[in-house]
Amino acid sequence: MEKIQKYTAHDGMEGDLFIVDNSALNIMPFFCPVCEFIMNSHEDFGSHSEFSCCEECKTTFAEPNREKWNSGWRPTEKDLNTYKGRILGQSLNLFLNDEDN
């Protein structure tokens, strides 16, 4: 829904200000609301639309606790810190061409 309001600028000029209600839009955040890691994969988009979290949080927390999750349950800060430590402790696997070595 769009609303139009009049405004007066500092220089005395008048104009229209358009206010758009975009609350119905499904906007995905840059970071997972649960673990706070970046949302960066196609799977994250699907997981966010279903569970409001990234794919990893969906797999780790939401699906095993689906009923509690749907009722508002979220992992404790202690559980999240353990989870984040495990994720951050994983090594990165980089595949390079022979030309890059």
N, C-alpha and C. Protein backbone atom coordinates (compact mmCIF):
# COMPACT_ATOMS: atom_id res chain seq x y z
N MET A 1 0.84 -1.16 0.00
CA MET A 1 0.00 0.00 0.00
C MET A 1 0.90 1.24 0.00
N GLU A 2 0.61 2.16 -0.80
CA GLU A 2 1.42 3.37 -0.94
C GLU A 2 0.65 4.57 -0.41
N LYS A 3 1.33 5.39 0.36
CA LYS A 3 0.72 6.61 0.88
C LYS A 3 1.55 7.79 0.38
N ILE A 4 0.90 8.90 0.20
CA ILE A 4 1.60 10.12 -0.23
C ILE A 4 1.41 11.17 0.85
N GLN A 5 2.52 11.75 1.30
CA GLN A 5 2.46 12.83 2.27
C GLN A 5 3.21 14.03 1.68
N LYS A 6 2.75 15.19 2.03
CA LYS A 6 3.42 16.42 1.61
C LYS A 6 4.55 16.73 2.60
N TYR A 7 5.61 17.31 2.11
CA TYR A 7 6.69 17.74 2.98
C TYR A 7 7.23 19.07 2.48
N THR A 8 7.87 19.76 3.38
CA THR A 8 8.54 21.02 3.04
C THR A 8 10.02 20.85 3.35
N ALA A 9 10.85 21.06 2.36
CA ALA A 9 12.29 20.93 2.53
C ALA A 9 12.85 22.15 3.24
N HIS A 10 14.11 22.07 3.65
CA HIS A 10 14.77 23.17 4.35
C HIS A 10 14.80 24.45 3.51
N ASP A 11 14.82 24.30 2.20
CA ASP A 11 14.89 25.49 1.34
C ASP A 11 13.50 26.06 1.04
N GLY A 12 12.46 25.51 1.67
CA GLY A 12 11.11 26.02 1.48
C GLY A 12 10.35 25.37 0.34
N MET A 13 11.01 24.52 -0.43
CA MET A 13 10.35 23.84 -1.54
C MET A 13 9.44 22.75 -0.99
N GLU A 14 8.29 22.57 -1.60
CA GLU A 14 7.37 21.52 -1.20
C GLU A 14 7.46 20.37 -2.18
N GLY A 15 7.14 19.20 -1.71
CA GLY A 15 7.16 18.03 -2.57
C GLY A 15 6.34 16.91 -1.98
N ASP A 16 6.32 15.79 -2.66
CA ASP A 16 5.58 14.62 -2.21
C ASP A 16 6.56 13.58 -1.68
N LEU A 17 6.21 12.94 -0.61
CA LEU A 17 6.99 11.86 -0.03
C LEU A 17 6.14 10.61 -0.15
N PHE A 18 6.65 9.61 -0.82
CA PHE A 18 5.92 8.36 -1.00
C PHE A 18 6.33 7.38 0.09
N ILE A 19 5.37 6.86 0.80
CA ILE A 19 5.62 5.88 1.85
C ILE A 19 5.02 4.56 1.38
N VAL A 20 5.87 3.55 1.28
CA VAL A 20 5.45 2.26 0.78
C VAL A 20 5.49 1.25 1.92
N ASP A 21 4.40 0.55 2.13
CA ASP A 21 4.32 -0.50 3.12
C ASP A 21 4.82 -1.78 2.48
N ASN A 22 6.00 -2.20 2.86
CA ASN A 22 6.57 -3.42 2.28
C ASN A 22 6.62 -4.54 3.31
N SER A 23 5.78 -4.46 4.34
CA SER A 23 5.78 -5.49 5.38
C SER A 23 5.35 -6.86 4.85
N ALA A 24 4.68 -6.90 3.72
CA ALA A 24 4.25 -8.18 3.16
C ALA A 24 5.37 -8.87 2.38
N LEU A 25 6.45 -8.16 2.12
CA LEU A 25 7.55 -8.75 1.37
C LEU A 25 8.32 -9.73 2.25
N ASN A 26 8.78 -10.81 1.69
CA ASN A 26 9.58 -11.79 2.41
C ASN A 26 11.05 -11.49 2.11
N ILE A 27 11.67 -10.68 2.95
CA ILE A 27 13.04 -10.26 2.73
C ILE A 27 13.96 -11.12 3.58
N MET A 28 14.94 -11.75 2.95
CA MET A 28 15.88 -12.59 3.67
C MET A 28 17.02 -11.73 4.20
N PRO A 29 17.38 -11.90 5.47
CA PRO A 29 18.48 -11.12 6.03
C PRO A 29 19.83 -11.59 5.50
N PHE A 30 20.85 -10.77 5.68
CA PHE A 30 22.20 -11.15 5.28
C PHE A 30 22.79 -12.20 6.22
N PHE A 31 22.37 -12.17 7.47
CA PHE A 31 22.91 -13.07 8.48
C PHE A 31 21.79 -13.89 9.11
N CYS A 32 22.10 -15.13 9.44
CA CYS A 32 21.12 -16.02 10.06
C CYS A 32 20.70 -15.44 11.41
N PRO A 33 19.39 -15.33 11.66
CA PRO A 33 18.91 -14.81 12.94
C PRO A 33 19.27 -15.70 14.14
N VAL A 34 19.62 -16.96 13.88
CA VAL A 34 19.93 -17.88 14.97
C VAL A 34 21.43 -17.89 15.27
N CYS A 35 22.25 -18.26 14.28
CA CYS A 35 23.69 -18.41 14.52
C CYS A 35 24.50 -17.17 14.16
N GLU A 36 23.90 -16.26 13.42
CA GLU A 36 24.53 -15.00 13.01
C GLU A 36 25.64 -15.18 11.97
N PHE A 37 25.72 -16.35 11.35
CA PHE A 37 26.64 -16.54 10.22
C PHE A 37 25.95 -16.03 8.96
N ILE A 38 26.73 -15.73 7.94
CA ILE A 38 26.19 -15.17 6.70
C ILE A 38 25.31 -16.18 5.98
N MET A 39 24.22 -15.69 5.41
CA MET A 39 23.33 -16.52 4.60
C MET A 39 23.85 -16.40 3.17
N ASN A 40 24.40 -17.49 2.64
CA ASN A 40 25.08 -17.34 1.35
C ASN A 40 24.82 -18.45 0.34
N SER A 41 23.87 -19.30 0.59
CA SER A 41 23.62 -20.37 -0.37
C SER A 41 22.15 -20.43 -0.76
N HIS A 42 21.91 -21.12 -1.84
CA HIS A 42 20.53 -21.32 -2.30
C HIS A 42 19.72 -22.05 -1.23
N GLU A 43 20.34 -23.00 -0.56
CA GLU A 43 19.67 -23.75 0.49
C GLU A 43 19.25 -22.84 1.64
N ASP A 44 20.08 -21.83 1.94
CA ASP A 44 19.74 -20.89 3.01
C ASP A 44 18.44 -20.16 2.71
N PHE A 45 18.20 -19.82 1.44
CA PHE A 45 16.96 -19.14 1.06
C PHE A 45 15.75 -20.02 1.39
N GLY A 46 15.83 -21.29 1.03
CA GLY A 46 14.73 -22.20 1.31
C GLY A 46 14.53 -22.43 2.80
N SER A 47 15.63 -22.59 3.51
CA SER A 47 15.54 -22.81 4.95
C SER A 47 14.96 -21.59 5.66
N HIS A 48 15.36 -20.40 5.20
CA HIS A 48 14.85 -19.20 5.84
C HIS A 48 13.35 -19.05 5.62
N SER A 49 12.88 -19.38 4.43
CA SER A 49 11.44 -19.24 4.18
C SER A 49 10.62 -20.24 5.01
N GLU A 50 11.22 -21.39 5.33
CA GLU A 50 10.50 -22.40 6.10
C GLU A 50 10.71 -22.25 7.61
N PHE A 51 11.96 -21.98 8.04
CA PHE A 51 12.28 -21.98 9.47
C PHE A 51 12.86 -20.66 9.99
N SER A 52 13.06 -19.67 9.13
CA SER A 52 13.67 -18.38 9.52
C SER A 52 15.08 -18.56 10.07
N CYS A 53 15.84 -19.41 9.40
CA CYS A 53 17.24 -19.62 9.77
C CYS A 53 17.99 -20.18 8.56
N CYS A 54 19.32 -20.31 8.70
CA CYS A 54 20.13 -20.85 7.61
C CYS A 54 19.95 -22.37 7.52
N GLU A 55 20.50 -22.96 6.47
CA GLU A 55 20.40 -24.40 6.24
C GLU A 55 21.05 -25.19 7.38
N GLU A 56 22.21 -24.74 7.86
CA GLU A 56 22.90 -25.44 8.95
C GLU A 56 22.07 -25.44 10.23
N CYS A 57 21.48 -24.30 10.57
CA CYS A 57 20.64 -24.23 11.78
C CYS A 57 19.37 -25.06 11.60
N LYS A 58 18.86 -25.09 10.38
CA LYS A 58 17.69 -25.92 10.09
C LYS A 58 18.02 -27.38 10.38
N THR A 59 19.15 -27.83 9.86
CA THR A 59 19.55 -29.23 10.02
C THR A 59 19.90 -29.56 11.47
N THR A 60 20.61 -28.64 12.12
CA THR A 60 21.11 -28.90 13.47
C THR A 60 20.06 -28.70 14.54
N PHE A 61 19.27 -27.64 14.42
CA PHE A 61 18.34 -27.28 15.49
C PHE A 61 16.86 -27.41 15.14
N ALA A 62 16.46 -26.90 13.98
CA ALA A 62 15.03 -26.79 13.68
C ALA A 62 14.37 -28.13 13.37
N GLU A 63 14.94 -28.89 12.43
CA GLU A 63 14.28 -30.14 12.06
C GLU A 63 14.21 -31.15 13.19
N PRO A 64 15.29 -31.36 13.98
CA PRO A 64 15.18 -32.32 15.08
C PRO A 64 14.20 -31.89 16.17
N ASN A 65 13.89 -30.62 16.23
CA ASN A 65 13.00 -30.07 17.26
C ASN A 65 11.82 -29.34 16.62
N ARG A 66 11.29 -29.89 15.55
CA ARG A 66 10.29 -29.20 14.74
C ARG A 66 9.10 -28.67 15.54
N GLU A 67 8.53 -29.48 16.40
CA GLU A 67 7.36 -29.03 17.16
C GLU A 67 7.72 -27.88 18.09
N LYS A 68 8.82 -28.05 18.83
CA LYS A 68 9.27 -26.98 19.73
C LYS A 68 9.64 -25.74 18.94
N TRP A 69 10.33 -25.93 17.80
CA TRP A 69 10.74 -24.80 16.96
C TRP A 69 9.52 -23.99 16.50
N ASN A 70 8.52 -24.70 16.03
CA ASN A 70 7.31 -24.02 15.55
C ASN A 70 6.55 -23.31 16.67
N SER A 71 6.82 -23.72 17.92
CA SER A 71 6.21 -23.07 19.08
C SER A 71 7.06 -21.93 19.62
N GLY A 72 8.22 -21.67 18.97
CA GLY A 72 9.05 -20.54 19.38
C GLY A 72 10.36 -20.90 20.05
N TRP A 73 10.60 -22.19 20.30
CA TRP A 73 11.85 -22.60 20.94
C TRP A 73 13.05 -22.27 20.06
N ARG A 74 14.14 -21.85 20.67
CA ARG A 74 15.41 -21.65 19.98
C ARG A 74 16.52 -22.19 20.87
N PRO A 75 17.65 -22.57 20.30
CA PRO A 75 18.74 -23.13 21.12
C PRO A 75 19.25 -22.12 22.14
N THR A 76 19.79 -22.64 23.23
CA THR A 76 20.34 -21.77 24.26
C THR A 76 21.63 -21.13 23.76
N GLU A 77 22.04 -20.09 24.44
CA GLU A 77 23.28 -19.42 24.06
C GLU A 77 24.47 -20.37 24.20
N LYS A 78 24.44 -21.22 25.20
CA LYS A 78 25.51 -22.21 25.40
C LYS A 78 25.56 -23.18 24.21
N ASP A 79 24.40 -23.68 23.79
CA ASP A 79 24.35 -24.59 22.63
C ASP A 79 24.82 -23.88 21.37
N LEU A 80 24.44 -22.62 21.20
CA LEU A 80 24.87 -21.86 20.03
C LEU A 80 26.37 -21.64 20.03
N ASN A 81 26.94 -21.33 21.20
CA ASN A 81 28.38 -21.13 21.28
C ASN A 81 29.15 -22.41 20.96
N THR A 82 28.66 -23.54 21.43
CA THR A 82 29.28 -24.83 21.10
C THR A 82 29.19 -25.09 19.61
N TYR A 83 28.03 -24.83 19.03
CA TYR A 83 27.81 -25.01 17.60
C TYR A 83 28.72 -24.10 16.78
N LYS A 84 28.79 -22.82 17.16
CA LYS A 84 29.64 -21.87 16.44
C LYS A 84 31.10 -22.27 16.53
N GLY A 85 31.54 -22.73 17.70
CA GLY A 85 32.92 -23.17 17.86
C GLY A 85 33.25 -24.34 16.95
N ARG A 86 32.30 -25.26 16.82
CA ARG A 86 32.50 -26.41 15.93
C ARG A 86 32.60 -25.95 14.48
N ILE A 87 31.72 -25.04 14.07
CA ILE A 87 31.73 -24.54 12.69
C ILE A 87 33.02 -23.78 12.41
N LEU A 88 33.40 -22.90 13.33
CA LEU A 88 34.61 -22.09 13.13
C LEU A 88 35.88 -22.93 13.16
N GLY A 89 35.81 -24.09 13.82
CA GLY A 89 36.97 -24.97 13.91
C GLY A 89 37.19 -25.84 12.69
N GLN A 90 36.22 -25.86 11.78
CA GLN A 90 36.37 -26.68 10.58
C GLN A 90 37.39 -26.05 9.64
N SER A 91 38.17 -26.91 9.01
CA SER A 91 39.15 -26.39 8.05
C SER A 91 38.45 -26.08 6.73
N LEU A 92 39.00 -25.12 6.02
CA LEU A 92 38.48 -24.77 4.70
C LEU A 92 39.11 -25.68 3.67
N ASN A 93 38.31 -26.23 2.81
CA ASN A 93 38.82 -27.05 1.72
C ASN A 93 38.85 -26.21 0.46
N LEU A 94 40.03 -25.89 0.02
CA LEU A 94 40.19 -25.10 -1.20
C LEU A 94 40.75 -26.00 -2.29
N PHE A 95 40.10 -25.99 -3.41
CA PHE A 95 40.56 -26.77 -4.54
C PHE A 95 41.14 -25.82 -5.57
N LEU A 96 42.39 -25.99 -5.86
CA LEU A 96 43.07 -25.13 -6.82
C LEU A 96 43.51 -25.95 -8.02
N ASN A 97 43.53 -25.32 -9.15
CA ASN A 97 44.06 -25.95 -10.35
C ASN A 97 45.58 -26.05 -10.21
N ASP A 98 46.18 -26.97 -10.93
CA ASP A 98 47.63 -27.10 -10.92
C ASP A 98 48.29 -25.79 -11.32
N GLU A 99 47.62 -25.03 -12.18
CA GLU A 99 48.16 -23.75 -12.64
C GLU A 99 48.27 -22.75 -11.50
N ASP A 100 47.41 -22.89 -10.48
CA ASP A 100 47.39 -21.95 -9.37
C ASP A 100 48.43 -22.25 -8.30
N ASN A 101 49.00 -23.44 -8.33
CA ASN A 101 49.98 -23.85 -7.30
C ASN A 101 51.37 -23.41 -7.65
